[in-house]
Amino acid sequence: MENESLDTNKEETKEAQQSAAPEESGKQEDWKSPVKSLVNDLLDIAESVIVSVFVVVLVFAFILRPVTVDGSSMNPTLYDKDRVLMVELFYHPQRGDVVIVDGTEAHLFSDPEQTQVVEKKGIGINLIKRVIAVAGDQLDIDFTAGTVTLNGVVQKEDYINMLTTRNDGAFTYPLTVPEGYIFVMGDNRNASTDSRSTLVGLVPEDAVIGHAVYRFARDEKLRSTWAEQFSVID
């Protein structure tokens, strides 16, 4: 009888342990589930952040690039120390665009008829200017009246600081812009070294570094409100 009692107790103890095991296991699963979920959420967030940073790096490395304006040649459109975003990828210069160009070389005509282009040493710095004429355009500048005529039409230049009365002697006018080149000028016409100068001359299209599209910073002394530092460049 005693053996039977002992066996019964052993069986009851075994059953109690077996019944307790699933309950304990369930508690462990209940504890692990939210932790696992939190870890997965954190991993998803980290992945999103990494992808976002990678995309931003790609955008600023190959599509948009910040540029700081140096000087007053583009007043009143842009002022000294303005910060702008420049588009580099797949850009082709168009009339009226504000562009950044490589001024390492100057390109001038070598003949009186102004048909043959020669390369000379340029101003040696990058310049930010406005595209006035592109390949095939006939450009005339009347330095007495201060007017710019493009393909027979006097231009209405609302963006300039003053009339174009300074002639730096690079060309005689009218001239026809050769294939593969553009003619650029600063908006601050009489305080700008640009295509009118022998230090710049015609700008090859492949010397255009990018298109300035958006201003995102301006000295607080030049703006009355915080929002005025942001503007599309046109």
Protein backbone atom coordinates (compact mmCIF):
# COMPACT_ATOMS: atom_id res chain seq x y z
CA MET A 1 0.00 0.00 0.00
CA GLU A 2 2.83 2.38 0.83
CA ASN A 3 4.44 1.76 -2.60
CA GLU A 4 1.15 2.47 -4.31
CA SER A 5 0.84 5.72 -2.39
CA LEU A 6 4.35 6.76 -3.34
CA ASP A 7 3.74 5.98 -7.00
CA THR A 8 0.55 7.99 -6.93
CA ASN A 9 2.34 10.96 -5.38
CA LYS A 10 5.07 10.74 -8.03
CA GLU A 11 2.51 10.74 -10.79
CA GLU A 12 0.66 13.69 -9.27
CA THR A 13 3.93 15.63 -8.93
CA LYS A 14 4.88 14.83 -12.54
CA GLU A 15 1.46 15.96 -13.78
CA ALA A 16 1.73 19.17 -11.76
CA GLN A 17 5.15 19.90 -13.28
CA GLN A 18 3.87 19.17 -16.77
CA SER A 19 0.86 21.41 -16.26
CA ALA A 20 3.06 24.21 -14.90
CA ALA A 21 5.55 24.03 -17.79
CA PRO A 22 3.22 25.34 -20.53
CA GLU A 23 2.13 28.17 -18.25
CA GLU A 24 5.75 29.15 -17.60
CA SER A 25 6.54 28.86 -21.31
CA GLY A 26 3.58 31.07 -22.11
CA LYS A 27 4.84 33.72 -19.74
CA GLN A 28 8.26 33.65 -21.44
CA GLU A 29 6.63 34.01 -24.85
CA ASP A 30 4.52 36.91 -23.56
CA TRP A 31 7.70 38.63 -22.39
CA LYS A 32 9.72 37.97 -25.55
CA SER A 33 7.03 39.03 -28.02
CA PRO A 34 7.01 42.80 -27.27
CA VAL A 35 10.83 42.87 -27.05
CA LYS A 36 11.11 41.18 -30.42
CA SER A 37 8.57 43.60 -31.85
CA LEU A 38 10.49 46.57 -30.45
CA VAL A 39 13.76 45.30 -31.89
CA ASN A 40 12.14 44.82 -35.30
CA ASP A 41 10.72 48.35 -35.16
CA LEU A 42 14.11 49.79 -34.26
CA LEU A 43 15.74 47.87 -37.10
CA ASP A 44 13.11 49.19 -39.54
CA ILE A 45 13.71 52.75 -38.35
CA ALA A 46 17.48 52.35 -38.64
CA GLU A 47 17.12 50.96 -42.15
CA SER A 48 14.88 53.89 -43.15
CA VAL A 49 17.35 56.40 -41.72
CA ILE A 50 20.29 54.80 -43.51
CA VAL A 51 18.42 54.74 -46.83
CA SER A 52 17.31 58.36 -46.37
CA VAL A 53 20.84 59.52 -45.60
CA PHE A 54 22.16 57.60 -48.61
CA VAL A 55 19.57 59.23 -50.88
CA VAL A 56 20.38 62.70 -49.54
CA VAL A 57 24.10 62.10 -50.10
CA LEU A 58 23.43 60.98 -53.67
CA VAL A 59 21.20 63.99 -54.35
CA PHE A 60 23.76 66.50 -53.08
CA ALA A 61 26.67 64.69 -54.72
CA PHE A 62 25.22 64.26 -58.21
CA ILE A 63 22.08 66.40 -58.58
CA LEU A 64 22.05 69.39 -56.20
CA ARG A 65 25.06 71.19 -54.84
CA PRO A 66 25.25 74.19 -52.48
CA VAL A 67 27.18 77.20 -53.77
CA THR A 68 28.14 80.47 -52.07
CA VAL A 69 27.99 83.69 -54.09
CA ASP A 70 31.16 85.76 -53.94
CA GLY A 71 30.82 89.39 -54.95
CA SER A 72 28.17 91.81 -56.18
CA SER A 73 28.06 91.10 -59.93
CA MET A 74 24.60 89.50 -59.71
CA ASN A 75 22.89 92.22 -57.64
CA PRO A 76 19.96 92.55 -57.15
CA THR A 77 19.13 88.91 -57.97
CA LEU A 78 21.88 87.54 -55.75
CA TYR A 79 24.05 89.23 -53.16
CA ASP A 80 27.46 88.50 -51.71
CA LYS A 81 27.41 85.43 -49.43
CA ASP A 82 24.01 84.25 -50.65
CA ARG A 83 23.77 80.46 -50.55
CA VAL A 84 22.17 78.78 -53.55
CA LEU A 85 21.45 75.28 -54.77
CA MET A 86 22.89 74.35 -58.14
CA VAL A 87 21.63 71.59 -60.45
CA GLU A 88 24.44 69.76 -62.25
CA LEU A 89 23.00 66.59 -63.76
CA PHE A 90 21.55 66.60 -67.31
CA TYR A 91 21.52 70.41 -67.50
CA HIS A 92 21.70 72.30 -70.80
CA PRO A 93 21.98 76.12 -70.64
CA GLN A 94 18.94 78.15 -71.64
CA ARG A 95 18.47 81.89 -72.13
CA GLY A 96 17.72 83.64 -68.87
CA ASP A 97 19.14 80.93 -66.62
CA VAL A 98 21.56 81.86 -63.86
CA VAL A 99 24.55 79.55 -64.21
CA ILE A 100 27.90 78.80 -62.62
CA VAL A 101 30.70 78.61 -65.18
CA ASP A 102 34.36 77.63 -65.13
CA GLY A 103 36.41 80.73 -65.90
CA THR A 104 39.75 78.97 -66.34
CA GLU A 105 39.81 79.73 -70.07
CA ALA A 106 38.52 82.68 -72.11
CA HIS A 107 37.23 82.19 -75.64
CA LEU A 108 37.48 85.06 -78.12
CA PHE A 109 37.33 85.60 -81.86
CA SER A 110 40.62 85.64 -83.75
CA ASP A 111 39.35 87.25 -86.97
CA PRO A 112 37.62 90.56 -87.78
CA GLU A 113 34.58 88.69 -89.09
CA GLN A 114 34.18 87.09 -85.63
CA THR A 115 33.80 83.53 -86.86
CA GLN A 116 36.92 81.76 -85.55
CA VAL A 117 37.16 81.11 -81.81
CA VAL A 118 40.50 80.89 -80.00
CA GLU A 119 41.19 79.89 -76.42
CA LYS A 120 43.15 82.13 -74.06
CA LYS A 121 43.88 82.29 -70.36
CA GLY A 122 40.76 83.29 -68.47
CA ILE A 123 39.93 84.95 -65.18
CA GLY A 124 40.80 81.73 -63.36
CA ILE A 125 37.77 81.45 -61.05
CA ASN A 126 34.24 80.11 -61.20
CA LEU A 127 31.65 82.76 -62.08
CA ILE A 128 27.92 83.03 -61.49
CA LYS A 129 26.19 84.86 -64.37
CA ARG A 130 23.02 84.93 -66.42
CA VAL A 131 22.78 83.33 -69.87
CA ILE A 132 21.96 86.11 -72.33
CA ALA A 133 22.43 84.33 -75.66
CA VAL A 134 22.95 80.74 -76.82
CA ALA A 135 24.39 79.16 -79.96
CA GLY A 136 23.01 80.71 -83.15
CA ASP A 137 21.65 83.85 -81.47
CA GLN A 138 22.52 87.26 -82.90
CA LEU A 139 23.37 89.59 -80.05
CA ASP A 140 23.67 93.36 -80.20
CA ILE A 141 24.47 95.72 -77.32
CA ASP A 142 24.00 99.48 -77.63
CA PHE A 143 26.31 100.81 -74.93
CA THR A 144 25.02 104.35 -75.40
CA ALA A 145 21.37 103.50 -74.91
CA GLY A 146 22.22 100.64 -72.56
CA THR A 147 19.99 98.16 -74.40
CA VAL A 148 20.49 94.50 -75.29
CA THR A 149 18.95 93.24 -78.53
CA LEU A 150 18.59 89.53 -79.19
CA ASN A 151 17.63 88.26 -82.65
CA GLY A 152 16.27 91.70 -83.52
CA VAL A 153 14.21 92.13 -80.34
CA VAL A 154 15.18 94.63 -77.64
CA GLN A 155 15.16 92.69 -74.37
CA LYS A 156 13.08 93.69 -71.37
CA GLU A 157 15.48 92.94 -68.55
CA ASP A 158 13.60 93.42 -65.28
CA TYR A 159 16.35 91.66 -63.36
CA ILE A 160 19.23 94.08 -64.06
CA ASN A 161 20.61 96.60 -61.59
CA MET A 162 21.33 99.25 -64.24
CA LEU A 163 21.46 99.66 -68.01
CA THR A 164 24.28 97.99 -69.94
CA THR A 165 26.65 100.87 -70.65
CA ARG A 166 30.03 99.25 -69.92
CA ASN A 167 31.95 97.77 -72.83
CA ASP A 168 35.02 95.76 -71.82
CA GLY A 169 36.24 95.33 -75.39
CA ALA A 170 36.06 91.57 -75.96
CA PHE A 171 33.90 91.85 -79.09
CA THR A 172 32.34 94.17 -81.62
CA TYR A 173 28.57 94.08 -81.86
CA PRO A 174 26.40 92.66 -83.26
CA LEU A 175 27.85 89.18 -83.06
CA THR A 176 26.52 85.68 -83.66
CA VAL A 177 27.15 83.19 -80.86
CA PRO A 178 28.99 80.19 -82.35
CA GLU A 179 27.82 76.61 -81.98
CA GLY A 180 28.73 75.13 -78.62
CA TYR A 181 29.03 78.48 -76.80
CA ILE A 182 26.92 80.87 -74.73
CA PHE A 183 27.18 84.57 -73.88
CA VAL A 184 26.74 85.50 -70.21
CA MET A 185 26.45 88.73 -68.22
CA GLY A 186 25.95 89.66 -64.58
CA ASP A 187 22.72 91.39 -63.54
CA ASN A 188 24.79 94.19 -61.98
CA ARG A 189 25.79 95.18 -65.48
CA ASN A 190 28.38 97.85 -64.81
CA ALA A 191 30.05 95.97 -61.97
CA SER A 192 30.41 92.56 -63.61
CA THR A 193 33.29 90.84 -65.37
CA ASP A 194 31.53 88.62 -67.91
CA SER A 195 31.42 87.77 -71.63
CA ARG A 196 32.02 91.42 -72.50
CA SER A 197 35.51 91.06 -71.04
CA THR A 198 38.59 89.49 -72.65
CA LEU A 199 39.03 87.60 -69.36
CA VAL A 200 35.82 85.63 -69.98
CA GLY A 201 34.53 85.96 -73.54
CA LEU A 202 32.31 83.24 -74.90
CA VAL A 203 31.66 80.35 -72.52
CA PRO A 204 31.75 76.79 -73.90
CA GLU A 205 28.64 74.83 -73.00
CA ASP A 206 30.81 72.16 -71.39
CA ALA A 207 32.32 74.83 -69.09
CA VAL A 208 28.89 75.36 -67.51
CA ILE A 209 29.13 73.70 -64.11
CA GLY A 210 25.47 73.98 -63.21
CA HIS A 211 22.22 75.91 -63.03
CA ALA A 212 21.51 77.99 -59.90
CA VAL A 213 17.86 77.29 -59.09
CA TYR A 214 17.14 78.17 -55.46
CA ARG A 215 18.44 80.54 -52.80
CA PHE A 216 18.31 79.10 -49.29
CA ALA A 217 20.34 81.57 -47.22
CA ARG A 218 20.93 85.33 -47.17
CA ASP A 219 22.60 87.67 -44.70
CA GLU A 220 20.06 88.97 -42.18
CA LYS A 221 21.16 92.54 -42.95
CA LEU A 222 19.82 92.12 -46.49
CA ARG A 223 16.38 90.83 -45.53
CA SER A 224 13.56 92.16 -43.42
CA THR A 225 12.04 88.78 -42.57
CA TRP A 226 13.37 85.28 -41.97
CA ALA A 227 11.43 83.91 -44.96
CA GLU A 228 13.06 86.31 -47.43
CA GLN A 229 16.23 84.22 -47.49
CA PHE A 230 14.36 81.54 -49.48
CA SER A 231 13.59 82.16 -53.13
CA VAL A 232 13.47 80.50 -56.53
CA ILE A 233 16.09 82.12 -58.76
CA ASP A 234 14.71 83.56 -61.97
